[in-house]
């Protein structure tokens, strides 16, 4: 599913947000708030109508089984629905529906973690699809947060086949879920966030524990990261952001991605981990706005 929020504030902007593996799009809410405020400031400081942003729309994509696309009945979870080609087709379908609805806007795409891999594939599909070449040209910038590409030495442990634990029976995975969640949360947030933003930690923990482990198993067993060869095809301006203390996907993966993609810039955010856009939304927004201004 996809949901959108519009801030009416010349130029129309459409932002598409793609979350990471088995995550949820509402993670981006704090960052979206910052972007909205930054656009308002930009407009208020503009002494002429030239360059005024007349509309900024934020589209949040929830992959199947996640967030607003949650499947309540586990019996309805089908293995083939979580294949990499099917999930990529889902993203393309939603993306193209947005692009068709707003045909004259400038587009910015933001991906996080595994979502960066999906964004790479989406950009390549648009570039190779003659019916979508115009959409590809409309994408003014892409933002990769905490991502990686398969093929670099730094990403070997990140992009390899699914962890052996996802080959266990579902009932065992259900028993292990709280332990797996705690391990992820401990790694995904910086120690200062754990100490000072307990509500954020509790919310992330609760959301993760609501995931269907049957869904997680189907996803991780079939996930397929984009390769360095895929990333080399990207011609759109790209900003790569990484938390300096990312314990899920090391920041060297972000540096390697920046070295792979031409027309890219790399930004390292201190005192943050994998969920850098939640931990440091203002700092991430400041970097992101450089693509727009």
Protein backbone atom coordinates (compact mmCIF):
# COMPACT_ATOMS: atom_id res chain seq x y z
CA UNK A 1 0.00 0.00 0.00
CA UNK A 2 0.99 3.61 -0.27
CA UNK A 3 -0.19 6.63 1.64
CA UNK A 4 0.54 10.28 1.09
CA UNK A 5 0.58 13.54 2.97
CA UNK A 6 0.50 16.90 1.21
CA UNK A 7 1.93 20.19 2.44
CA UNK A 8 0.76 23.10 0.29
CA UNK A 9 3.42 25.64 0.56
CA UNK A 10 5.91 27.53 -9.71
CA UNK A 11 7.61 23.96 -8.40
CA UNK A 12 5.95 20.74 -7.32
CA UNK A 13 7.94 18.05 -5.55
CA UNK A 14 7.03 14.42 -5.00
CA UNK A 15 9.04 12.37 -2.52
CA UNK A 16 8.85 8.58 -2.52
CA UNK A 17 10.11 6.78 0.60
CA UNK A 18 11.07 3.10 0.52
CA UNK A 19 11.75 1.39 3.85
CA UNK A 20 14.16 -1.43 4.60
CA UNK A 21 13.60 -5.15 5.15
CA UNK A 22 10.48 -6.03 7.17
CA UNK A 23 10.21 -2.42 8.36
CA UNK A 24 7.45 0.23 8.10
CA UNK A 25 7.17 3.57 6.33
CA UNK A 26 6.08 5.56 9.38
CA UNK A 27 9.74 5.43 10.42
CA UNK A 28 10.19 8.36 8.05
CA UNK A 29 7.69 10.64 9.81
CA UNK A 30 10.27 12.65 11.78
CA UNK A 31 12.35 13.21 8.66
CA UNK A 32 9.29 14.24 6.67
CA UNK A 33 8.40 16.79 9.34
CA UNK A 34 11.88 18.28 9.04
CA UNK A 35 11.70 18.41 5.25
CA UNK A 36 8.32 20.17 5.43
CA UNK A 37 9.74 22.79 7.80
CA UNK A 38 12.84 23.26 5.64
CA UNK A 39 10.68 23.85 2.55
CA UNK A 40 8.60 26.42 4.43
CA UNK A 41 11.78 28.22 5.48
CA UNK A 42 13.10 28.13 1.91
CA UNK A 43 9.89 29.66 0.61
CA UNK A 44 9.72 32.32 3.31
CA UNK A 45 13.29 33.40 2.53
CA UNK A 46 12.53 33.67 -1.16
CA UNK A 47 12.00 37.29 -2.19
CA UNK A 48 10.46 36.44 -5.56
CA UNK A 49 8.09 33.90 -6.99
CA UNK A 50 10.95 32.26 -8.84
CA UNK A 51 11.89 28.98 -7.23
CA UNK A 52 8.92 28.87 -4.87
CA UNK A 53 7.88 25.31 -4.07
CA UNK A 54 4.13 25.27 -4.53
CA UNK A 55 3.50 21.72 -3.34
CA UNK A 56 5.48 19.00 -1.60
CA UNK A 57 3.91 15.57 -1.45
CA UNK A 58 5.31 12.70 0.58
CA UNK A 59 4.48 9.16 -0.52
CA UNK A 60 5.27 6.37 1.90
CA UNK A 61 5.50 2.87 0.46
CA UNK A 62 4.80 -0.08 2.76
CA UNK A 63 5.98 -3.36 1.28
CA UNK A 64 3.69 -6.37 1.49
CA UNK A 65 3.33 -7.59 5.06
CA UNK A 66 4.72 -4.38 6.55
CA UNK A 67 3.13 -1.31 8.13
CA UNK A 68 -0.15 -0.45 6.44
CA UNK A 69 0.26 -3.50 4.19
CA UNK A 70 0.32 -5.88 7.13
CA UNK A 71 -1.28 -9.30 6.56
CA UNK A 72 -3.38 -10.11 9.60
CA UNK A 73 -4.03 -13.77 8.82
CA UNK A 74 -0.83 -15.79 8.54
CA UNK A 75 -2.69 -18.30 6.41
CA UNK A 76 -2.85 -15.62 3.71
CA UNK A 77 0.94 -15.31 3.54
CA UNK A 78 2.12 -16.96 0.33
CA UNK A 79 5.82 -17.66 -0.21
CA UNK A 80 5.78 -16.54 -3.84
CA UNK A 81 4.34 -13.13 -2.93
CA UNK A 82 7.65 -12.32 -1.22
CA UNK A 83 9.92 -13.26 -4.09
CA UNK A 84 12.30 -10.48 -5.09
CA UNK A 85 10.71 -9.98 -8.55
CA UNK A 86 7.21 -9.78 -7.05
CA UNK A 87 8.16 -7.27 -4.36
CA UNK A 88 9.99 -5.19 -6.96
CA UNK A 89 6.92 -5.27 -9.20
CA UNK A 90 4.83 -4.07 -6.26
CA UNK A 91 7.14 -1.07 -5.81
CA UNK A 92 7.11 -0.29 -9.52
CA UNK A 93 3.31 -0.43 -9.67
CA UNK A 94 2.88 1.97 -6.76
CA UNK A 95 5.65 4.27 -8.01
CA UNK A 96 4.21 4.53 -11.50
CA UNK A 97 0.74 5.24 -10.15
CA UNK A 98 2.20 8.20 -8.25
CA UNK A 99 4.22 9.43 -11.22
CA UNK A 100 1.16 9.21 -13.49
CA UNK A 101 -1.03 11.07 -10.99
CA UNK A 102 1.42 13.97 -10.78
CA UNK A 103 2.96 14.17 -14.29
CA UNK A 104 4.65 17.58 -14.02
CA UNK A 105 6.46 17.38 -10.69
CA UNK A 106 10.10 16.81 -9.83
CA UNK A 107 10.68 13.48 -8.10
CA UNK A 108 13.01 12.56 -5.27
CA UNK A 109 13.34 8.97 -4.07
CA UNK A 110 14.58 8.04 -0.60
CA UNK A 111 15.54 4.47 0.27
CA UNK A 112 16.77 2.95 3.52
CA UNK A 113 18.76 -0.24 4.08
CA UNK A 114 17.42 -2.97 1.74
CA UNK A 115 15.17 -0.26 0.29
CA UNK A 116 18.27 1.26 -1.34
CA UNK A 117 18.63 -1.96 -3.33
CA UNK A 118 15.03 -1.68 -4.50
CA UNK A 119 15.58 1.96 -5.48
CA UNK A 120 18.60 1.00 -7.60
CA UNK A 121 16.50 -1.59 -9.43
CA UNK A 122 13.60 0.85 -9.83
CA UNK A 123 15.87 3.49 -11.38
CA UNK A 124 17.35 0.95 -13.79
CA UNK A 125 13.92 -0.34 -14.76
CA UNK A 126 12.76 3.19 -15.58
CA UNK A 127 15.89 3.85 -17.60
CA UNK A 128 15.51 0.62 -19.60
CA UNK A 129 11.72 0.87 -20.01
CA UNK A 130 11.08 3.07 -23.05
CA UNK A 131 7.62 3.88 -21.72
CA UNK A 132 9.13 5.25 -18.52
CA UNK A 133 12.11 7.22 -19.82
CA UNK A 134 10.32 10.50 -19.10
CA UNK A 135 9.77 9.46 -15.47
CA UNK A 136 13.44 8.59 -15.15
CA UNK A 137 14.35 12.09 -16.34
CA UNK A 138 11.94 13.60 -13.81
CA UNK A 139 13.83 12.02 -10.91
CA UNK A 140 16.05 14.89 -9.79
CA UNK A 141 17.78 13.03 -7.00
CA UNK A 142 17.91 9.82 -5.02
CA UNK A 143 18.91 9.44 -1.39
CA UNK A 144 20.39 6.17 -0.11
CA UNK A 145 20.43 5.85 3.67
CA UNK A 146 22.32 3.05 5.39
CA UNK A 147 22.53 0.95 2.27
CA UNK A 148 24.88 -1.41 0.47
CA UNK A 149 25.44 -3.07 -2.89
CA UNK A 150 26.45 -6.64 -3.51
CA UNK A 151 29.95 -7.03 -4.86
CA UNK A 152 32.04 -4.79 -2.61
CA UNK A 153 34.30 -6.39 -0.01
CA UNK A 154 32.65 -4.40 2.79
CA UNK A 155 29.18 -5.74 2.00
CA UNK A 156 29.97 -9.47 1.89
CA UNK A 157 28.37 -10.21 5.26
CA UNK A 158 25.43 -7.90 4.57
CA UNK A 159 24.36 -9.14 1.15
CA UNK A 160 25.07 -12.87 1.49
CA UNK A 161 22.30 -15.49 1.56
CA UNK A 162 19.78 -15.45 4.40
CA UNK A 163 21.04 -16.23 7.91
CA UNK A 164 20.70 -19.89 8.83
CA UNK A 165 18.17 -18.99 11.50
CA UNK A 166 15.55 -18.33 8.80
CA UNK A 167 15.72 -21.97 7.80
CA UNK A 168 14.25 -22.99 11.17
CA UNK A 169 10.56 -23.93 11.54
CA UNK A 170 8.14 -21.03 12.02
CA UNK A 171 7.17 -22.01 15.55
CA UNK A 172 10.80 -21.79 16.66
CA UNK A 173 11.18 -18.41 14.96
CA UNK A 174 8.12 -17.20 16.89
CA UNK A 175 9.79 -18.21 20.14
CA UNK A 176 13.02 -16.48 19.14
CA UNK A 177 11.35 -13.29 17.88
CA UNK A 178 11.79 -11.15 21.05
CA UNK A 179 15.47 -12.10 21.20
CA UNK A 180 15.97 -11.31 17.51
CA UNK A 181 14.16 -8.00 17.90
CA UNK A 182 16.28 -6.95 20.86
CA UNK A 183 19.46 -7.81 19.01
CA UNK A 184 18.39 -5.69 16.03
CA UNK A 185 17.23 -2.73 18.13
CA UNK A 186 20.47 -2.73 20.10
CA UNK A 187 22.45 -2.56 16.87
CA UNK A 188 20.18 -0.23 14.90
CA UNK A 189 20.15 2.65 17.40
CA UNK A 190 23.11 4.52 18.85
CA UNK A 191 23.75 4.14 22.62
CA UNK A 192 22.78 7.78 23.18
CA UNK A 193 19.40 7.08 21.59
CA UNK A 194 18.87 4.12 23.90
CA UNK A 195 19.70 6.38 26.85
CA UNK A 196 17.78 9.51 25.87
CA UNK A 197 14.91 8.47 23.58
CA UNK A 198 13.25 5.56 25.29
CA UNK A 199 9.90 6.15 23.57
CA UNK A 200 11.56 5.76 20.17
CA UNK A 201 13.22 2.51 21.25
CA UNK A 202 9.99 1.12 22.69
CA UNK A 203 8.03 2.00 19.56
CA UNK A 204 10.59 0.35 17.30
CA UNK A 205 10.65 -2.73 19.52
CA UNK A 206 6.89 -3.05 19.54
CA UNK A 207 6.64 -2.65 15.76
CA UNK A 208 9.32 -5.26 15.16
CA UNK A 209 7.70 -7.77 17.51
CA UNK A 210 4.45 -7.45 15.53
CA UNK A 211 6.07 -8.75 12.36
CA UNK A 212 4.95 -12.14 11.18
CA UNK A 213 7.95 -14.45 11.35
CA UNK A 214 6.45 -16.44 8.49
CA UNK A 215 6.60 -13.25 6.44
CA UNK A 216 10.16 -12.48 7.59
CA UNK A 217 11.27 -15.99 6.67
CA UNK A 218 9.74 -15.73 3.20
CA UNK A 219 11.33 -12.32 2.68
CA UNK A 220 14.86 -13.01 3.87
CA UNK A 221 15.13 -16.36 2.13
CA UNK A 222 14.31 -14.71 -1.21
CA UNK A 223 15.91 -11.27 -0.81
CA UNK A 224 18.33 -10.33 -3.58
CA UNK A 225 20.48 -7.23 -3.19
CA UNK A 226 21.33 -5.07 -6.17
CA UNK A 227 24.91 -5.44 -7.37
CA UNK A 228 27.69 -2.94 -7.88
CA UNK A 229 27.08 -3.43 -11.61
CA UNK A 230 23.46 -2.36 -11.12
CA UNK A 231 24.56 0.69 -9.14
CA UNK A 232 27.09 1.71 -11.80
CA UNK A 233 24.20 2.24 -14.22
CA UNK A 234 22.73 5.01 -12.05
CA UNK A 235 23.10 8.39 -13.77
CA UNK A 236 20.84 10.42 -11.48
CA UNK A 237 22.35 12.67 -8.83
CA UNK A 238 22.67 10.63 -5.66
CA UNK A 239 23.23 11.43 -1.99
CA UNK A 240 24.43 8.59 0.20
CA UNK A 241 23.96 9.01 3.95
CA UNK A 242 25.24 6.71 6.66
CA UNK A 243 25.26 6.71 10.43
CA UNK A 244 28.86 6.84 11.59
CA UNK A 245 28.22 4.07 14.12
CA UNK A 246 25.98 1.85 12.02
CA UNK A 247 26.23 -1.61 13.59
CA UNK A 248 23.82 -3.22 11.07
CA UNK A 249 25.36 -2.13 7.76
CA UNK A 250 28.87 -0.68 8.31
CA UNK A 251 29.46 2.82 7.01
CA UNK A 252 32.18 1.50 4.69
CA UNK A 253 29.32 -0.02 2.68
CA UNK A 254 28.00 3.50 2.12
CA UNK A 255 31.42 4.75 1.10
CA UNK A 256 31.78 1.89 -1.36
CA UNK A 257 28.35 2.69 -2.79
CA UNK A 258 29.39 6.31 -3.26
CA UNK A 259 32.54 5.16 -5.07
CA UNK A 260 30.39 2.98 -7.33
CA UNK A 261 27.71 5.52 -8.30
CA UNK A 262 28.81 8.48 -10.40
CA UNK A 263 27.43 11.91 -9.52
CA UNK A 264 27.13 10.87 -5.87
CA UNK A 265 28.07 12.47 -2.58
CA UNK A 266 28.65 10.76 0.75
CA UNK A 267 27.58 12.18 4.10
CA UNK A 268 28.46 10.64 7.46
CA UNK A 269 26.25 11.55 10.44
CA UNK A 270 28.02 11.24 13.83
CA UNK A 271 26.52 9.68 16.95
CA UNK A 272 23.99 7.64 14.99
CA UNK A 273 23.50 4.08 13.80
CA UNK A 274 21.34 2.33 11.22
CA UNK A 275 18.20 4.35 12.00
CA UNK A 276 20.05 7.61 11.47
CA UNK A 277 17.03 9.32 9.88
CA UNK A 278 15.04 8.70 13.07
CA UNK A 279 17.87 9.51 15.44
CA UNK A 280 19.10 12.62 13.60
CA UNK A 281 16.24 13.79 11.35
CA UNK A 282 17.37 17.42 11.30
CA UNK A 283 20.91 16.53 10.24
CA UNK A 284 19.68 14.12 7.57
CA UNK A 285 17.23 16.73 6.30
CA UNK A 286 20.01 19.32 6.02
CA UNK A 287 21.96 16.97 3.79
CA UNK A 288 18.89 16.02 1.76
CA UNK A 289 17.92 19.65 1.11
CA UNK A 290 21.23 20.16 -0.69
CA UNK A 291 19.75 18.07 -3.49
CA UNK A 292 16.81 20.45 -3.78
CA UNK A 293 18.31 23.87 -3.20
